[in-house]
Amino acid sequence: MSAMKRVFPLFLVASLLTVVASCVGSRNPASDEKTSKIDERLIGEWNVDGDSVWKATKSKDVENALDVDAPKPKGPGHVLVFATTIKSQGYLSIINVKDKKSKEASYLICRYEFSDNDTVNIRFMKPKALAKAIQEKQIIGEMVKKDNDKKDTPVITDTPEGIARYLEAHADECFTGKNEVLTCKRRK
């Protein structure tokens, strides 16, 4: 086995952890069990940024949600995903199943788009853009100190309706950049 084949998975794990660690959390989803609509195109098995395999199925326990198994260490584990469309753009609200009932539950809100029937690109919110939006009162949130971080991290505390209003007006400002994209290819 070549050195690159041995080292590449380590780079993949590091890049996924960097993306997730720098993500903005939200106390509420952009849509929930009542307002979400399952995007059937997301159902299936996906190769995520290389060799990690994630499986998305309709949830048997939660209405209008997808269950996604993204095995650790390369994925977040078992998560619930709520999909919604705002101004013709697709958004996902993702939460770890074990954290859903916690008062400190944190959803990850992402934008997604299909580049073809078998490729979906997931974009993460930029913390700087959200920090500015919170400061300018475009969205309700707070700046929180996370474990060993030197900087405060933005956390959205707005309602789903407030999040939708913000995304409708400002999504292009907070979902930009090449480094914040996770590419998923359907397994055949």
Protein backbone atom coordinates (compact mmCIF):
# COMPACT_ATOMS: atom_id res chain seq x y z
CA MET A 1 0.00 0.00 0.00
CA SER A 2 1.37 3.40 -0.97
CA ALA A 3 2.10 6.05 1.65
CA MET A 4 -0.60 8.26 0.12
CA LYS A 5 -3.26 5.55 0.54
CA ARG A 6 -2.27 5.16 4.20
CA VAL A 7 -2.15 8.92 4.90
CA PHE A 8 -5.21 10.09 2.87
CA PRO A 9 -7.81 8.74 5.37
CA LEU A 10 -6.08 10.74 8.12
CA PHE A 11 -6.40 13.92 6.04
CA LEU A 12 -10.06 13.11 5.41
CA VAL A 13 -10.82 12.70 9.11
CA ALA A 14 -8.93 15.89 9.94
CA SER A 15 -10.77 17.89 7.28
CA LEU A 16 -14.19 16.61 8.41
CA LEU A 17 -13.39 17.37 12.04
CA THR A 18 -12.22 20.86 11.11
CA VAL A 19 -15.42 21.57 9.18
CA VAL A 20 -17.68 20.26 11.95
CA ALA A 21 -15.71 22.00 14.71
CA SER A 22 -15.99 25.35 12.93
CA CYS A 23 -19.73 25.00 12.30
CA VAL A 24 -22.41 27.24 13.68
CA GLY A 25 -24.94 25.59 15.96
CA SER A 26 -28.61 26.47 16.37
CA ARG A 27 -30.91 25.76 19.32
CA ASN A 28 -33.77 25.31 16.82
CA PRO A 29 -34.03 23.73 13.37
CA ALA A 30 -34.92 25.71 10.23
CA SER A 31 -37.84 23.27 9.94
CA ASP A 32 -39.11 20.51 12.21
CA GLU A 33 -41.27 17.37 12.19
CA LYS A 34 -44.37 19.33 11.17
CA THR A 35 -42.88 21.73 8.61
CA SER A 36 -40.20 19.58 6.95
CA LYS A 37 -40.70 17.64 3.75
CA ILE A 38 -38.47 14.67 2.99
CA ASP A 39 -36.41 15.12 -0.15
CA GLU A 40 -36.54 11.60 -1.56
CA ARG A 41 -33.37 12.26 -3.58
CA LEU A 42 -31.38 12.19 -0.33
CA ILE A 43 -32.37 8.61 0.50
CA GLY A 44 -29.67 6.04 -0.18
CA GLU A 45 -26.05 5.24 0.50
CA TRP A 46 -23.47 7.97 -0.04
CA ASN A 47 -19.69 8.08 -0.27
CA VAL A 48 -18.77 11.21 1.63
CA ASP A 49 -15.59 13.03 0.59
CA GLY A 50 -13.86 9.79 -0.30
CA ASP A 51 -14.25 6.51 1.55
CA SER A 52 -16.74 7.21 4.37
CA VAL A 53 -20.19 5.67 3.70
CA TRP A 54 -23.33 7.34 5.09
CA LYS A 55 -26.77 5.76 4.79
CA ALA A 56 -29.96 7.87 4.71
CA THR A 57 -33.41 6.32 5.23
CA LYS A 58 -36.85 7.62 6.14
CA SER A 59 -37.10 7.77 9.92
CA LYS A 60 -39.46 5.23 11.46
CA ASP A 61 -39.63 7.22 14.71
CA VAL A 62 -39.76 10.88 13.67
CA GLU A 63 -42.24 12.24 11.15
CA ASN A 64 -40.81 13.99 8.06
CA ALA A 65 -37.21 13.21 9.01
CA LEU A 66 -34.37 11.16 7.64
CA ASP A 67 -32.24 8.88 9.81
CA VAL A 68 -28.62 9.09 8.72
CA ASP A 69 -26.02 6.65 9.93
CA ALA A 70 -22.60 8.22 9.51
CA PRO A 71 -20.25 5.88 11.38
CA LYS A 72 -17.61 7.42 13.61
CA PRO A 73 -14.75 8.41 13.54
CA LYS A 74 -15.32 9.98 10.10
CA GLY A 75 -18.97 10.87 10.63
CA PRO A 76 -21.15 12.27 13.39
CA GLY A 77 -22.81 8.92 14.24
CA HIS A 78 -26.61 8.54 14.08
CA VAL A 79 -28.31 11.83 13.19
CA LEU A 80 -31.80 13.07 12.32
CA VAL A 81 -32.11 15.30 9.28
CA PHE A 82 -34.99 17.67 8.54
CA ALA A 83 -35.15 19.12 5.01
CA THR A 84 -36.81 22.33 3.93
CA THR A 85 -36.86 24.64 0.94
CA ILE A 86 -36.56 28.39 1.34
CA LYS A 87 -36.60 30.58 -1.75
CA SER A 88 -35.90 27.54 -3.99
CA GLN A 89 -32.79 26.56 -1.96
CA GLY A 90 -32.57 23.28 -0.01
CA TYR A 91 -31.60 23.35 3.67
CA LEU A 92 -30.93 20.61 6.20
CA SER A 93 -31.29 20.83 9.96
CA ILE A 94 -29.15 18.05 11.43
CA ILE A 95 -29.07 16.88 15.04
CA ASN A 96 -27.41 13.96 16.78
CA VAL A 97 -30.20 11.59 17.88
CA LYS A 98 -28.88 11.27 21.43
CA ASP A 99 -28.85 15.09 21.82
CA LYS A 100 -32.38 15.79 20.50
CA LYS A 101 -34.06 15.92 23.92
CA SER A 102 -31.34 17.94 25.62
CA LYS A 103 -31.95 21.60 26.56
CA GLU A 104 -28.57 22.32 24.98
CA ALA A 105 -29.51 20.57 21.72
CA SER A 106 -27.63 22.00 18.80
CA TYR A 107 -28.77 21.70 15.21
CA LEU A 108 -26.37 22.12 12.34
CA ILE A 109 -28.09 24.06 9.57
CA CYS A 110 -26.66 23.42 6.11
CA ARG A 111 -27.49 24.33 2.55
CA TYR A 112 -27.53 21.52 0.01
CA GLU A 113 -27.67 21.31 -3.75
CA PHE A 114 -27.45 18.52 -6.27
CA SER A 115 -24.87 19.03 -9.00
CA ASP A 116 -26.31 15.92 -10.71
CA ASN A 117 -28.67 13.09 -9.68
CA ASP A 118 -25.88 11.28 -7.84
CA THR A 119 -23.89 14.16 -6.31
CA VAL A 120 -25.00 16.43 -3.51
CA ASN A 121 -22.90 19.26 -2.09
CA ILE A 122 -23.53 20.32 1.49
CA ARG A 123 -22.41 23.80 2.57
CA PHE A 124 -21.88 24.89 6.15
CA MET A 125 -22.61 28.33 7.62
CA LYS A 126 -19.64 30.63 8.03
CA PRO A 127 -19.15 31.59 11.68
CA LYS A 128 -17.91 35.11 10.84
CA ALA A 129 -21.02 35.87 8.78
CA LEU A 130 -23.30 34.60 11.56
CA ALA A 131 -21.41 36.51 14.25
CA LYS A 132 -21.92 39.69 12.21
CA ALA A 133 -25.61 38.88 11.64
CA ILE A 134 -26.14 38.37 15.39
CA GLN A 135 -24.34 41.62 16.17
CA GLU A 136 -26.44 43.50 13.59
CA LYS A 137 -29.63 41.82 14.92
CA GLN A 138 -30.47 40.19 11.59
CA ILE A 139 -30.97 36.94 13.51
CA ILE A 140 -31.30 36.22 17.21
CA GLY A 141 -28.32 34.46 18.71
CA GLU A 142 -25.45 34.66 21.16
CA MET A 143 -21.71 34.32 21.19
CA VAL A 144 -20.56 31.39 23.33
CA LYS A 145 -17.16 30.23 24.52
CA LYS A 146 -16.56 26.61 23.44
CA ASP A 147 -14.16 24.39 25.36
CA ASN A 148 -10.63 25.39 24.33
CA ASP A 149 -11.52 27.91 21.62
CA LYS A 150 -9.87 31.31 21.88
CA LYS A 151 -12.75 32.98 20.05
CA ASP A 152 -16.44 33.00 20.89
CA THR A 153 -18.62 30.92 18.58
CA PRO A 154 -22.00 32.11 17.28
CA VAL A 155 -25.04 30.09 18.33
CA ILE A 156 -28.42 30.79 16.74
CA THR A 157 -31.25 30.99 19.31
CA ASP A 158 -33.93 32.32 16.95
CA THR A 159 -37.18 30.49 16.17
CA PRO A 160 -37.52 28.39 13.02
CA GLU A 161 -39.52 31.25 11.49
CA GLY A 162 -36.75 33.73 12.33
CA ILE A 163 -34.13 31.40 10.87
CA ALA A 164 -36.19 31.06 7.67
CA ARG A 165 -36.53 34.87 7.39
CA TYR A 166 -32.77 35.27 7.84
CA LEU A 167 -31.97 32.58 5.25
CA GLU A 168 -34.42 34.06 2.77
CA ALA A 169 -32.65 37.43 2.95
CA HIS A 170 -29.02 36.54 3.74
CA ALA A 171 -28.22 32.92 2.83
CA ASP A 172 -25.69 33.83 0.15
CA GLU A 173 -23.66 35.75 2.75
CA CYS A 174 -23.26 32.81 5.12
CA PHE A 175 -22.96 29.85 2.72
CA THR A 176 -19.94 30.85 0.63
CA GLY A 177 -16.45 29.46 0.27
CA LYS A 178 -14.94 26.27 -1.09
CA ASN A 179 -13.60 24.97 2.22
CA GLU A 180 -17.04 24.62 3.79
CA VAL A 181 -18.35 22.05 1.27
CA LEU A 182 -18.92 18.36 1.90
CA THR A 183 -19.40 16.38 -1.35
CA CYS A 184 -21.51 13.22 -1.26
CA LYS A 185 -21.62 10.73 -4.18
CA ARG A 186 -24.38 8.16 -4.39
CA ARG A 187 -23.16 4.55 -4.16
CA LYS A 188 -24.31 2.36 -7.02
